[in-house]
Amino acid sequence: MKLIKSSVISCLALLTGCVGHYQQPAPDAAHATLEAKWGSNNLVSGGSQAFYAFYDNNCNDTEETGVLGGISASNPEINRFLIKPERRIYLNALSTGVKNRKTTDESLIHKSCLTIRSFIPHTGATYRITLSTPDSGCSLEVIDVQTGKVPDTLMVEPVSKECGLN
């Protein structure tokens, strides 16, 4: 139980104050929309998923960037974010939780994965982002809802120390 509490506290700290928050444009301003969807999750049991948005590949936190938000598997209507269009955005996706251990040493182990994608969103476009955690690693899918395709500008970015890889 202590492990679960520490995981929850760590996630809440990330979402509330240790990192800045991405400044979403006003609904009447030019924007693109991200609709986050809870993906398949084999790596962890339950857990949480959160997204961060930056304007560079070193995850430099500015007054405009940082936490985009956590998503909910049971309340998908809150999984919608507005982002500034026509500028490359780096989406960091984090999934964290616990998994039952198969040995008797310890009953639970903490697991997490972090992945980064970047693309240039277009004004008025809607993109579905889905973070999945298969048995190893993690995957962030970005799909343009209107075309059903991956954006032409989508890039898989390396996860560097500055972005959370220790």
C-alpha atoms as a PDB file:
ATOM      1  CA  MET A   1       0.000   0.000   0.000  1.00  0.00           C
ATOM      2  CA  LYS A   2       2.902   2.380   0.719  1.00  0.00           C
ATOM      3  CA  LEU A   3       4.093   1.911  -2.875  1.00  0.00           C
ATOM      4  CA  ILE A   4       0.658   2.772  -4.245  1.00  0.00           C
ATOM      5  CA  LYS A   5       0.465   5.909  -2.073  1.00  0.00           C
ATOM      6  CA  SER A   6       3.928   7.066  -3.155  1.00  0.00           C
ATOM      7  CA  SER A   7       3.020   6.527  -6.823  1.00  0.00           C
ATOM      8  CA  VAL A   8      -0.182   8.516  -6.456  1.00  0.00           C
ATOM      9  CA  ILE A   9       1.609  11.310  -4.576  1.00  0.00           C
ATOM     10  CA  SER A  10       4.316  11.483  -7.270  1.00  0.00           C
ATOM     11  CA  CYS A  11       1.729  11.727 -10.048  1.00  0.00           C
ATOM     12  CA  LEU A  12      -0.256  14.370  -8.194  1.00  0.00           C
ATOM     13  CA  ALA A  13       2.899  16.412  -7.614  1.00  0.00           C
ATOM     14  CA  LEU A  14       3.609  16.362 -11.331  1.00  0.00           C
ATOM     15  CA  LEU A  15       0.079  17.442 -12.172  1.00  0.00           C
ATOM     16  CA  THR A  16      -0.205  20.178  -9.563  1.00  0.00           C
ATOM     17  CA  GLY A  17       2.943  22.149  -9.056  1.00  0.00           C
ATOM     18  CA  CYS A  18       6.426  20.804  -9.671  1.00  0.00           C
ATOM     19  CA  VAL A  19       6.103  21.536 -13.385  1.00  0.00           C
ATOM     20  CA  GLY A  20       4.320  24.440 -15.084  1.00  0.00           C
ATOM     21  CA  HIS A  21       1.074  23.983 -16.948  1.00  0.00           C
ATOM     22  CA  TYR A  22       0.590  24.198 -20.696  1.00  0.00           C
ATOM     23  CA  GLN A  23      -1.349  27.364 -21.472  1.00  0.00           C
ATOM     24  CA  GLN A  24      -4.272  26.198 -23.589  1.00  0.00           C
ATOM     25  CA  PRO A  25      -5.644  28.787 -26.006  1.00  0.00           C
ATOM     26  CA  ALA A  26      -9.108  30.211 -25.355  1.00  0.00           C
ATOM     27  CA  PRO A  27     -11.915  28.295 -27.113  1.00  0.00           C
ATOM     28  CA  ASP A  28     -12.557  31.272 -29.421  1.00  0.00           C
ATOM     29  CA  ALA A  29      -8.855  31.629 -30.353  1.00  0.00           C
ATOM     30  CA  ALA A  30      -7.149  29.688 -33.145  1.00  0.00           C
ATOM     31  CA  HIS A  31      -6.467  26.168 -31.863  1.00  0.00           C
ATOM     32  CA  ALA A  32      -6.273  22.471 -32.613  1.00  0.00           C
ATOM     33  CA  THR A  33      -7.894  19.878 -30.352  1.00  0.00           C
ATOM     34  CA  LEU A  34      -6.405  16.788 -28.741  1.00  0.00           C
ATOM     35  CA  GLU A  35      -8.807  14.050 -27.702  1.00  0.00           C
ATOM     36  CA  ALA A  36      -6.921  11.700 -25.389  1.00  0.00           C
ATOM     37  CA  LYS A  37      -8.083   8.095 -25.254  1.00  0.00           C
ATOM     38  CA  TRP A  38      -7.073   5.520 -22.658  1.00  0.00           C
ATOM     39  CA  GLY A  39      -5.205   2.806 -24.549  1.00  0.00           C
ATOM     40  CA  SER A  40      -4.529  -0.833 -23.781  1.00  0.00           C
ATOM     41  CA  ASN A  41      -2.546  -1.311 -20.616  1.00  0.00           C
ATOM     42  CA  ASN A  42      -0.598  -4.564 -20.111  1.00  0.00           C
ATOM     43  CA  LEU A  43       2.406  -3.063 -18.330  1.00  0.00           C
ATOM     44  CA  VAL A  44       0.628  -1.807 -15.207  1.00  0.00           C
ATOM     45  CA  SER A  45      -2.536  -2.598 -13.269  1.00  0.00           C
ATOM     46  CA  GLY A  46      -4.763   0.462 -13.212  1.00  0.00           C
ATOM     47  CA  GLY A  47      -2.420   3.362 -12.730  1.00  0.00           C
ATOM     48  CA  SER A  48      -2.567   6.774 -14.309  1.00  0.00           C
ATOM     49  CA  GLN A  49      -1.812   8.426 -17.618  1.00  0.00           C
ATOM     50  CA  ALA A  50      -0.712  12.036 -18.042  1.00  0.00           C
ATOM     51  CA  PHE A  51       0.378  14.256 -20.910  1.00  0.00           C
ATOM     52  CA  TYR A  52       2.857  17.133 -21.010  1.00  0.00           C
ATOM     53  CA  ALA A  53       3.364  19.631 -23.840  1.00  0.00           C
ATOM     54  CA  PHE A  54       6.571  21.484 -24.699  1.00  0.00           C
ATOM     55  CA  TYR A  55       7.930  23.489 -27.628  1.00  0.00           C
ATOM     56  CA  ASP A  56      11.352  21.849 -27.715  1.00  0.00           C
ATOM     57  CA  ASN A  57      12.817  18.350 -27.553  1.00  0.00           C
ATOM     58  CA  ASN A  58      14.596  19.068 -24.240  1.00  0.00           C
ATOM     59  CA  CYS A  59      11.312  19.530 -22.342  1.00  0.00           C
ATOM     60  CA  ASN A  60      12.231  23.047 -21.265  1.00  0.00           C
ATOM     61  CA  ASP A  61       9.467  24.192 -18.954  1.00  0.00           C
ATOM     62  CA  THR A  62       8.381  27.755 -19.769  1.00  0.00           C
ATOM     63  CA  GLU A  63       5.454  29.937 -18.724  1.00  0.00           C
ATOM     64  CA  GLU A  64       3.540  28.475 -21.692  1.00  0.00           C
ATOM     65  CA  THR A  65       4.430  24.786 -21.367  1.00  0.00           C
ATOM     66  CA  GLY A  66       4.333  21.875 -18.951  1.00  0.00           C
ATOM     67  CA  VAL A  67       1.511  19.643 -17.751  1.00  0.00           C
ATOM     68  CA  LEU A  68      -1.280  19.302 -20.283  1.00  0.00           C
ATOM     69  CA  GLY A  69      -3.352  17.050 -18.026  1.00  0.00           C
ATOM     70  CA  GLY A  70      -4.127  13.597 -16.759  1.00  0.00           C
ATOM     71  CA  ILE A  71      -6.755  11.480 -18.438  1.00  0.00           C
ATOM     72  CA  SER A  72      -9.519   9.316 -17.138  1.00  0.00           C
ATOM     73  CA  ALA A  73     -10.529   5.887 -18.404  1.00  0.00           C
ATOM     74  CA  SER A  74     -13.951   6.190 -16.756  1.00  0.00           C
ATOM     75  CA  ASN A  75     -14.688   9.858 -17.532  1.00  0.00           C
ATOM     76  CA  PRO A  76     -13.561  10.389 -21.157  1.00  0.00           C
ATOM     77  CA  GLU A  77     -15.311  13.752 -21.580  1.00  0.00           C
ATOM     78  CA  ILE A  78     -12.515  15.420 -19.537  1.00  0.00           C
ATOM     79  CA  ASN A  79      -9.828  14.056 -21.896  1.00  0.00           C
ATOM     80  CA  ARG A  80      -9.980  17.003 -24.309  1.00  0.00           C
ATOM     81  CA  PHE A  81      -7.236  19.625 -24.625  1.00  0.00           C
ATOM     82  CA  LEU A  82      -6.787  22.707 -26.802  1.00  0.00           C
ATOM     83  CA  ILE A  83      -3.322  23.338 -28.228  1.00  0.00           C
ATOM     84  CA  LYS A  84      -1.768  26.157 -30.210  1.00  0.00           C
ATOM     85  CA  PRO A  85      -1.706  25.399 -33.935  1.00  0.00           C
ATOM     86  CA  GLU A  86       0.961  25.800 -36.605  1.00  0.00           C
ATOM     87  CA  ARG A  87       3.855  25.311 -34.163  1.00  0.00           C
ATOM     88  CA  ARG A  88       5.684  22.027 -33.452  1.00  0.00           C
ATOM     89  CA  ILE A  89       4.534  20.601 -30.149  1.00  0.00           C
ATOM     90  CA  TYR A  90       6.316  17.854 -28.214  1.00  0.00           C
ATOM     91  CA  LEU A  91       3.836  15.595 -26.430  1.00  0.00           C
ATOM     92  CA  ASN A  92       5.256  13.608 -23.541  1.00  0.00           C
ATOM     93  CA  ALA A  93       3.044  10.741 -22.457  1.00  0.00           C
ATOM     94  CA  LEU A  94       3.529   9.060 -19.082  1.00  0.00           C
ATOM     95  CA  SER A  95       1.857   5.925 -17.779  1.00  0.00           C
ATOM     96  CA  THR A  96       2.560   4.793 -14.242  1.00  0.00           C
ATOM     97  CA  GLY A  97       1.166   2.220 -11.837  1.00  0.00           C
ATOM     98  CA  VAL A  98       1.894  -1.086 -10.184  1.00  0.00           C
ATOM     99  CA  LYS A  99       2.045  -4.662 -11.384  1.00  0.00           C
ATOM    100  CA  ASN A 100       1.733  -7.870  -9.422  1.00  0.00           C
ATOM    101  CA  ARG A 101       5.063  -9.638  -9.199  1.00  0.00           C
ATOM    102  CA  LYS A 102       5.156 -13.298 -10.208  1.00  0.00           C
ATOM    103  CA  THR A 103       7.615 -14.214  -7.467  1.00  0.00           C
ATOM    104  CA  THR A 104       6.965 -14.184  -3.738  1.00  0.00           C
ATOM    105  CA  ASP A 105       9.759 -11.685  -2.897  1.00  0.00           C
ATOM    106  CA  GLU A 106       7.583  -8.633  -3.194  1.00  0.00           C
ATOM    107  CA  SER A 107       3.895  -8.549  -4.065  1.00  0.00           C
ATOM    108  CA  LEU A 108       3.877  -5.324  -6.124  1.00  0.00           C
ATOM    109  CA  ILE A 109       6.407  -3.507  -8.264  1.00  0.00           C
ATOM    110  CA  HIS A 110       6.180   0.051  -9.591  1.00  0.00           C
ATOM    111  CA  LYS A 111       6.173   0.385 -13.374  1.00  0.00           C
ATOM    112  CA  SER A 112       6.157   3.430 -15.600  1.00  0.00           C
ATOM    113  CA  CYS A 113       6.822   4.347 -19.185  1.00  0.00           C
ATOM    114  CA  LEU A 114       7.448   7.635 -20.947  1.00  0.00           C
ATOM    115  CA  THR A 115       7.283   8.286 -24.674  1.00  0.00           C
ATOM    116  CA  ILE A 116       7.473  11.450 -26.777  1.00  0.00           C
ATOM    117  CA  ARG A 117       5.967  12.395 -30.138  1.00  0.00           C
ATOM    118  CA  SER A 118       6.109  15.752 -31.896  1.00  0.00           C
ATOM    119  CA  PHE A 119       4.074  17.205 -34.742  1.00  0.00           C
ATOM    120  CA  ILE A 120       2.727  20.466 -36.103  1.00  0.00           C
ATOM    121  CA  PRO A 121      -1.027  20.673 -35.420  1.00  0.00           C
ATOM    122  CA  HIS A 122      -3.222  22.536 -37.907  1.00  0.00           C
ATOM    123  CA  THR A 123      -5.797  25.166 -36.998  1.00  0.00           C
ATOM    124  CA  GLY A 124      -9.234  23.608 -36.515  1.00  0.00           C
ATOM    125  CA  ALA A 125      -7.967  20.023 -36.687  1.00  0.00           C
ATOM    126  CA  THR A 126      -8.769  17.373 -34.082  1.00  0.00           C
ATOM    127  CA  TYR A 127      -6.216  14.721 -33.169  1.00  0.00           C
ATOM    128  CA  ARG A 128      -6.844  11.533 -31.194  1.00  0.00           C
ATOM    129  CA  ILE A 129      -3.919  10.586 -28.964  1.00  0.00           C
ATOM    130  CA  THR A 130      -3.800   7.126 -27.410  1.00  0.00           C
ATOM    131  CA  LEU A 131      -1.154   5.972 -24.941  1.00  0.00           C
ATOM    132  CA  SER A 132      -0.774   2.197 -24.770  1.00  0.00           C
ATOM    133  CA  THR A 133       1.505   0.139 -22.558  1.00  0.00           C
ATOM    134  CA  PRO A 134       2.121  -3.313 -24.000  1.00  0.00           C
ATOM    135  CA  ASP A 135       4.167  -5.909 -22.101  1.00  0.00           C
ATOM    136  CA  SER A 136       7.305  -3.831 -22.614  1.00  0.00           C
ATOM    137  CA  GLY A 137       7.740  -0.191 -23.511  1.00  0.00           C
ATOM    138  CA  CYS A 138       4.956   2.188 -24.399  1.00  0.00           C
ATOM    139  CA  SER A 139       3.413   3.661 -27.499  1.00  0.00           C
ATOM    140  CA  LEU A 140       1.706   6.971 -28.275  1.00  0.00           C
ATOM    141  CA  GLU A 141      -0.524   6.967 -31.334  1.00  0.00           C
ATOM    142  CA  VAL A 142      -1.488  10.315 -32.891  1.00  0.00           C
ATOM    143  CA  ILE A 143      -4.256  10.278 -35.508  1.00  0.00           C
ATOM    144  CA  ASP A 144      -5.860  13.170 -37.388  1.00  0.00           C
ATOM    145  CA  VAL A 145      -9.565  12.458 -36.784  1.00  0.00           C
ATOM    146  CA  GLN A 146     -10.681  14.060 -40.084  1.00  0.00           C
ATOM    147  CA  THR A 147      -8.345  11.987 -42.272  1.00  0.00           C
ATOM    148  CA  GLY A 148      -7.918   8.897 -40.092  1.00  0.00           C
ATOM    149  CA  LYS A 149      -4.183   9.110 -40.738  1.00  0.00           C
ATOM    150  CA  VAL A 150      -1.017   9.954 -38.832  1.00  0.00           C
ATOM    151  CA  PRO A 151      -0.065  13.639 -39.315  1.00  0.00           C
ATOM    152  CA  ASP A 152       2.606  14.092 -42.007  1.00  0.00           C
ATOM    153  CA  THR A 153       4.787  16.010 -39.540  1.00  0.00           C
ATOM    154  CA  LEU A 154       4.675  13.352 -36.771  1.00  0.00           C
ATOM    155  CA  MET A 155       8.066  12.341 -35.372  1.00  0.00           C
ATOM    156  CA  VAL A 156       9.015   9.802 -32.709  1.00  0.00           C
ATOM    157  CA  GLU A 157      11.358  11.654 -30.374  1.00  0.00           C
ATOM    158  CA  PRO A 158      14.062  10.171 -28.155  1.00  0.00           C
ATOM    159  CA  VAL A 159      13.448  10.355 -24.410  1.00  0.00           C
ATOM    160  CA  SER A 160      16.345  12.295 -22.939  1.00  0.00           C
ATOM    161  CA  LYS A 161      17.461  12.874 -19.361  1.00  0.00           C
ATOM    162  CA  GLU A 162      15.929  16.366 -19.495  1.00  0.00           C
ATOM    163  CA  CYS A 163      12.560  14.811 -20.315  1.00  0.00           C
ATOM    164  CA  GLY A 164      12.547  12.391 -17.421  1.00  0.00           C
ATOM    165  CA  LEU A 165      14.816   9.488 -18.321  1.00  0.00           C
ATOM    166  CA  ASN A 166      17.193   8.823 -15.440  1.00  0.00           C
END
